[in-house]
Amino acid sequence: MIAATSRRRWWALLLVPLLVFVSLLLLSETLYQRAIAQAPAFPFSACHKVWAHRGHAETGRENSLQSVKGAFERGAVGVELDILFDRELNDFLVSHDRPYALFDGNPLKLESVLSQYSASGFFWLDAKDLRKLSPPTAYKAAQRLSTIIQRHQLAERALVESSDPLSLHWLARQGVYTSLAVSPNDQKYSATVYKLNTALMKLAYAFAGAGAISMNAARYTPVTAATFGQVAVLLSTVNDPKALKLLSGIAEVKVILSDDDQYAITACTDRSGQ
C-alpha cells in the first residue's frame, strides 16, 4: 500500500508540470497575439530601415567609435553594437567576443560610445551574454543597462536584443524597448517540430513583454513570416541591394542590418518619410 501511494505521488509530480507545459503550448498562440496587441511602440523609420551592422566597418574596426561615427556621417539612421556585461566592472563593454576587443590597449565601454553619439540616431544593442549569466547577475546587468539607456535619454532610440526572455522581461518593465532573438528553421525541421519550436518562441516573446523579434535574414522565409504574423521583425545581416529593397517593402520588417553603405535605400517611393 505504501509503495503504491509513493508511486502515485511520483506520477503526480511528473504529470502536473507536463500538463502545465502542454497547456501553455496550446495557449501559446492566444498569449502571443495578446502580446503583439500590447507590444510597446517604437519610432522606427517607415522608410529608412537599413542600419549599420557594428557601425561602418570600412571607416574603422567593427564596434568602434570610428565605425559608429562613420555610419552616422554616411546617413545611417541607426547602428547595431555588440555588448557584453563585465561582472567586475559592473558595466557593459562593446565587443562581440571575449577576450574583449581592445582599442588603444583598452576595452571600449558602451558609455563612451553613447557619450559621444547618443544624439546621432538609433541604437540596436545586441546583449550577447545575458542568457549565460546567473539570474542574479543577469538582473544586475539588466538594471545597469536600463540605467545607461535612461541616462542618455535613449528610451525612444535604443533597443536591446537578447535570446534571454527573463532579462528582456526585466528590461521591458524598466521601459526599455526589447527584441527577442529567435532562430526558426522551417528548412531543417519537419512541420511538427517547427510548429513546436515556434510555439516555444511565441511563449518566450509573450513572457518577455518584448516589442519585436529578431533573426538572421536567411531564416525569415515566407513560412516564418506567416508563422509570426504582424509582430515587428528585425533582421541581420543583408548586403545585397535588391534583397534590402525587397525586405524594406515588408511592413512587419522594421530594421535590416547591413555591413555596407546601403543606408539610402528606402521603402518610400517619394523618399519623404523619416
Protein backbone atom coordinates (compact mmCIF):
# COMPACT_ATOMS: atom_id res chain seq x y z
CA MET A 1 0.00 0.00 0.00
CA ILE A 2 2.77 2.44 0.94
CA ALA A 3 4.70 1.59 -2.23
CA ALA A 4 1.60 2.14 -4.41
CA THR A 5 0.91 5.50 -2.74
CA SER A 6 4.52 6.55 -3.29
CA ARG A 7 4.31 5.64 -6.99
CA ARG A 8 1.13 7.68 -7.39
CA ARG A 9 2.83 10.68 -5.83
CA TRP A 10 5.77 10.36 -8.21
CA TRP A 11 3.41 10.13 -11.18
CA ALA A 12 1.61 13.23 -9.95
CA LEU A 13 4.89 15.11 -9.61
CA LEU A 14 5.74 14.20 -13.20
CA LEU A 15 2.32 14.76 -14.74
CA VAL A 16 1.48 18.15 -13.22
CA PRO A 17 4.44 20.02 -14.81
CA LEU A 18 3.82 18.16 -18.06
CA LEU A 19 0.15 19.17 -18.10
CA VAL A 20 1.09 22.77 -17.36
CA PHE A 21 3.63 22.72 -20.18
CA VAL A 22 1.16 21.23 -22.66
CA SER A 23 -1.49 23.75 -21.60
CA LEU A 24 0.90 26.61 -22.22
CA LEU A 25 1.74 25.25 -25.65
CA LEU A 26 -1.94 25.05 -26.50
CA LEU A 27 -2.36 28.65 -25.33
CA SER A 28 0.81 29.90 -26.99
CA GLU A 29 -0.95 31.45 -29.99
CA THR A 30 -3.50 33.24 -27.80
CA LEU A 31 -0.81 34.58 -25.47
CA TYR A 32 1.35 35.56 -28.45
CA GLN A 33 -1.39 37.51 -30.21
CA ARG A 34 -2.25 39.28 -26.96
CA ALA A 35 1.42 40.21 -26.51
CA ILE A 36 1.58 41.64 -30.04
CA ALA A 37 -1.51 43.74 -29.36
CA GLN A 38 0.08 45.05 -26.15
CA ALA A 39 3.60 45.48 -27.55
CA PRO A 40 5.23 48.83 -26.79
CA ALA A 41 5.58 51.36 -29.57
CA PHE A 42 8.93 52.37 -31.03
CA PRO A 43 9.52 55.20 -33.55
CA PHE A 44 11.08 53.08 -36.29
CA SER A 45 11.59 54.86 -39.59
CA ALA A 46 8.89 53.76 -42.01
CA CYS A 47 11.18 54.47 -44.95
CA HIS A 48 14.83 54.05 -43.98
CA LYS A 49 15.15 50.60 -42.49
CA VAL A 50 18.80 49.81 -43.26
CA TRP A 51 21.01 50.24 -40.18
CA ALA A 52 24.75 49.81 -39.85
CA HIS A 53 25.92 46.39 -38.64
CA ARG A 54 28.53 47.11 -35.93
CA GLY A 55 28.98 50.56 -37.45
CA HIS A 56 30.52 51.25 -40.85
CA ALA A 57 33.43 48.83 -40.82
CA GLU A 58 35.25 50.46 -43.75
CA THR A 59 35.64 53.60 -41.64
CA GLY A 60 37.11 51.83 -38.65
CA ARG A 61 37.09 48.50 -36.88
CA GLU A 62 33.73 46.91 -36.14
CA ASN A 63 32.13 48.06 -32.88
CA SER A 64 34.48 51.05 -32.66
CA LEU A 65 33.95 54.76 -32.11
CA GLN A 66 35.21 55.38 -35.64
CA SER A 67 32.78 52.91 -37.23
CA VAL A 68 29.85 54.42 -35.33
CA LYS A 69 30.85 57.92 -36.41
CA GLY A 70 31.32 56.78 -40.00
CA ALA A 71 27.90 55.15 -40.15
CA PHE A 72 26.05 58.20 -38.90
CA GLU A 73 28.09 60.53 -41.13
CA ARG A 74 27.04 58.43 -44.14
CA GLY A 75 23.37 58.78 -43.28
CA ALA A 76 22.56 55.63 -41.31
CA VAL A 77 19.54 56.21 -39.10
CA GLY A 78 20.75 53.53 -36.69
CA VAL A 79 23.77 51.49 -35.61
CA GLU A 80 23.95 48.00 -34.14
CA LEU A 81 26.57 47.25 -31.50
CA ASP A 82 27.54 44.03 -29.71
CA ILE A 83 27.79 44.42 -25.95
CA LEU A 84 28.95 42.17 -23.12
CA PHE A 85 28.46 42.58 -19.38
CA ASP A 86 31.61 42.64 -17.26
CA ARG A 87 30.89 41.45 -13.71
CA GLU A 88 33.97 43.05 -12.16
CA LEU A 89 33.34 46.44 -13.74
CA ASN A 90 29.57 46.16 -13.38
CA ASP A 91 29.42 47.68 -16.83
CA PHE A 92 28.83 46.93 -20.49
CA LEU A 93 31.70 46.76 -22.96
CA VAL A 94 31.39 46.97 -26.72
CA SER A 95 32.73 43.70 -28.07
CA HIS A 96 31.44 40.68 -29.97
CA ASP A 97 33.53 38.13 -28.07
CA ARG A 98 35.78 37.53 -25.12
CA PRO A 99 38.59 38.39 -24.72
CA TYR A 100 37.29 41.88 -25.35
CA ALA A 101 38.20 43.87 -28.43
CA LEU A 102 40.82 46.46 -27.43
CA PHE A 103 41.19 49.99 -28.74
CA ASP A 104 44.47 51.68 -27.89
CA GLY A 105 45.01 48.86 -25.43
CA ASN A 106 41.70 49.25 -23.60
CA PRO A 107 38.19 47.81 -23.94
CA LEU A 108 35.52 50.23 -25.16
CA LYS A 109 32.72 51.00 -22.72
CA LEU A 110 29.19 51.42 -24.03
CA GLU A 111 29.01 54.64 -22.02
CA SER A 112 31.93 56.04 -24.05
CA VAL A 113 30.08 55.46 -27.32
CA LEU A 114 26.80 56.91 -26.10
CA SER A 115 28.51 59.91 -24.51
CA GLN A 116 29.65 60.94 -27.98
CA TYR A 117 26.91 59.72 -30.31
CA SER A 118 23.67 59.24 -28.32
CA ALA A 119 22.07 62.17 -30.17
CA SER A 120 23.12 60.94 -33.62
CA GLY A 121 20.46 58.30 -34.22
CA PHE A 122 19.09 54.93 -33.15
CA PHE A 123 20.98 52.10 -31.43
CA TRP A 124 20.42 48.35 -31.58
CA LEU A 125 22.29 46.88 -28.61
CA ASP A 126 22.89 43.16 -29.04
CA ALA A 127 23.41 41.95 -25.47
CA LYS A 128 25.35 38.82 -26.32
CA ASP A 129 25.75 37.15 -22.96
CA LEU A 130 22.66 37.82 -20.86
CA ARG A 131 21.43 34.26 -21.31
CA LYS A 132 24.72 32.88 -19.99
CA LEU A 133 24.61 34.85 -16.74
CA SER A 134 23.17 33.56 -13.50
CA PRO A 135 19.74 35.08 -12.72
CA PRO A 136 21.11 37.43 -10.00
CA THR A 137 23.89 38.64 -12.30
CA ALA A 138 21.53 38.96 -15.25
CA TYR A 139 19.17 41.06 -13.13
CA LYS A 140 22.07 43.28 -12.11
CA ALA A 141 23.12 43.60 -15.76
CA ALA A 142 19.58 44.50 -16.83
CA GLN A 143 19.39 47.21 -14.19
CA ARG A 144 22.73 48.63 -15.29
CA LEU A 145 21.76 48.64 -18.96
CA SER A 146 18.44 50.31 -18.21
CA THR A 147 20.28 52.99 -16.23
CA ILE A 148 22.66 53.66 -19.12
CA ILE A 149 19.81 53.96 -21.63
CA GLN A 150 17.83 56.31 -19.40
CA ARG A 151 20.88 58.42 -18.58
CA HIS A 152 21.49 59.10 -22.26
CA GLN A 153 17.80 59.73 -22.93
CA LEU A 154 17.57 56.83 -25.35
CA ALA A 155 14.29 55.28 -24.23
CA GLU A 156 12.83 56.00 -27.68
CA ARG A 157 16.01 55.50 -29.69
CA ALA A 158 17.64 52.36 -28.29
CA LEU A 159 16.51 48.76 -28.35
CA VAL A 160 18.08 45.75 -26.65
CA GLU A 161 18.25 42.34 -28.27
CA SER A 162 18.74 39.09 -26.34
CA SER A 163 17.73 35.46 -26.51
CA ASP A 164 17.02 35.52 -22.75
CA PRO A 165 13.32 36.24 -22.14
CA LEU A 166 13.82 36.76 -18.39
CA SER A 167 16.36 39.55 -18.88
CA LEU A 168 14.14 41.13 -21.54
CA HIS A 169 11.22 40.95 -19.12
CA TRP A 170 13.21 42.90 -16.54
CA LEU A 171 14.31 45.47 -19.13
CA ALA A 172 10.79 45.88 -20.51
CA ARG A 173 9.50 46.61 -17.01
CA GLN A 174 12.03 49.46 -16.89
CA GLY A 175 10.61 50.94 -20.10
CA VAL A 176 13.36 49.63 -22.40
CA TYR A 177 12.28 48.51 -25.87
CA THR A 178 13.43 44.92 -26.43
CA SER A 179 13.67 42.31 -29.15
CA LEU A 180 13.71 38.55 -28.58
CA ALA A 181 16.37 36.83 -30.68
CA VAL A 182 14.86 33.72 -32.28
CA SER A 183 16.09 31.16 -34.78
CA PRO A 184 13.20 29.43 -36.58
CA ASN A 185 14.18 26.98 -39.30
CA ASP A 186 11.41 25.58 -41.47
CA GLN A 187 14.03 24.32 -43.94
CA LYS A 188 15.69 21.97 -41.45
CA TYR A 189 12.88 20.63 -39.28
CA SER A 190 9.70 18.75 -40.02
CA ALA A 191 6.44 20.68 -39.88
CA THR A 192 5.61 19.21 -36.47
CA VAL A 193 8.98 20.04 -34.91
CA TYR A 194 8.94 23.51 -36.48
CA LYS A 195 5.48 24.19 -35.05
CA LEU A 196 6.55 23.07 -31.58
CA ASN A 197 9.75 25.12 -31.80
CA THR A 198 7.97 28.30 -32.86
CA ALA A 199 5.28 27.79 -30.21
CA LEU A 200 8.03 27.92 -27.58
CA MET A 201 9.40 31.09 -29.18
CA LYS A 202 5.95 32.66 -29.07
CA LEU A 203 5.62 31.80 -25.38
CA ALA A 204 9.03 33.35 -24.72
CA TYR A 205 8.00 36.51 -26.59
CA ALA A 206 4.80 36.79 -24.59
CA PHE A 207 6.61 36.28 -21.28
CA ALA A 208 9.36 38.76 -22.15
CA GLY A 209 6.99 41.59 -22.98
CA ALA A 210 9.21 42.29 -25.98
CA GLY A 211 8.35 44.73 -28.71
CA ALA A 212 9.93 42.78 -31.57
CA ILE A 213 11.63 39.57 -32.63
CA SER A 214 14.99 39.45 -34.37
CA MET A 215 16.61 36.78 -36.51
CA ASN A 216 19.07 36.10 -39.28
CA ALA A 217 17.53 37.25 -42.56
CA ALA A 218 18.02 33.79 -44.08
CA ARG A 219 15.56 32.42 -41.51
CA TYR A 220 12.84 34.92 -42.49
CA THR A 221 11.24 32.68 -45.08
CA PRO A 222 7.63 33.02 -46.30
CA VAL A 223 6.69 30.21 -43.88
CA THR A 224 8.31 32.02 -40.95
CA ALA A 225 6.76 35.34 -41.96
CA ALA A 226 3.32 33.72 -41.97
CA THR A 227 4.01 31.93 -38.67
CA PHE A 228 4.90 35.07 -36.73
CA GLY A 229 2.37 37.34 -38.41
CA GLN A 230 2.25 41.02 -37.59
CA VAL A 231 4.99 41.21 -34.97
CA ALA A 232 7.76 43.74 -35.56
CA VAL A 233 10.75 41.97 -37.12
CA LEU A 234 14.44 42.97 -37.05
CA LEU A 235 16.79 41.23 -39.48
CA SER A 236 20.53 40.67 -39.81
CA THR A 237 22.66 40.82 -41.97
CA VAL A 238 21.93 41.67 -45.61
CA ASN A 239 24.33 43.26 -48.10
CA ASP A 240 22.60 42.66 -51.43
CA PRO A 241 20.84 45.88 -52.55
CA LYS A 242 17.95 44.05 -54.23
CA ALA A 243 17.30 41.96 -51.13
CA LEU A 244 17.48 45.05 -48.93
CA LYS A 245 14.97 46.84 -51.15
CA LEU A 246 12.63 43.83 -51.14
CA LEU A 247 12.78 43.37 -47.36
CA SER A 248 12.34 47.11 -46.79
CA GLY A 249 8.98 46.86 -48.53
CA ILE A 250 7.61 44.39 -45.96
CA ALA A 251 5.59 46.28 -43.35
CA GLU A 252 6.48 43.95 -40.47
CA VAL A 253 10.21 44.32 -41.13
CA LYS A 254 11.36 47.38 -39.19
CA VAL A 255 15.17 47.16 -39.35
CA ILE A 256 17.67 45.37 -41.59
CA LEU A 257 21.34 45.38 -40.69
CA SER A 258 23.96 45.75 -43.42
CA ASP A 259 27.75 45.76 -43.50
CA ASP A 260 27.76 48.10 -46.49
CA ASP A 261 26.78 51.71 -47.04
CA GLN A 262 23.25 50.94 -48.22
CA TYR A 263 21.62 53.44 -45.89
CA ALA A 264 19.96 55.45 -48.66
CA ILE A 265 17.71 52.52 -49.65
CA THR A 266 14.17 53.50 -48.88
CA ALA A 267 10.81 51.78 -48.65
CA CYS A 268 9.06 55.02 -49.59
CA THR A 269 8.71 55.83 -53.27
CA ASP A 270 8.63 59.59 -52.72
CA ARG A 271 11.57 59.42 -50.26
CA SER A 272 9.70 61.78 -47.95
CA GLY A 273 9.47 59.51 -44.92
CA GLN A 274 11.53 59.88 -41.80
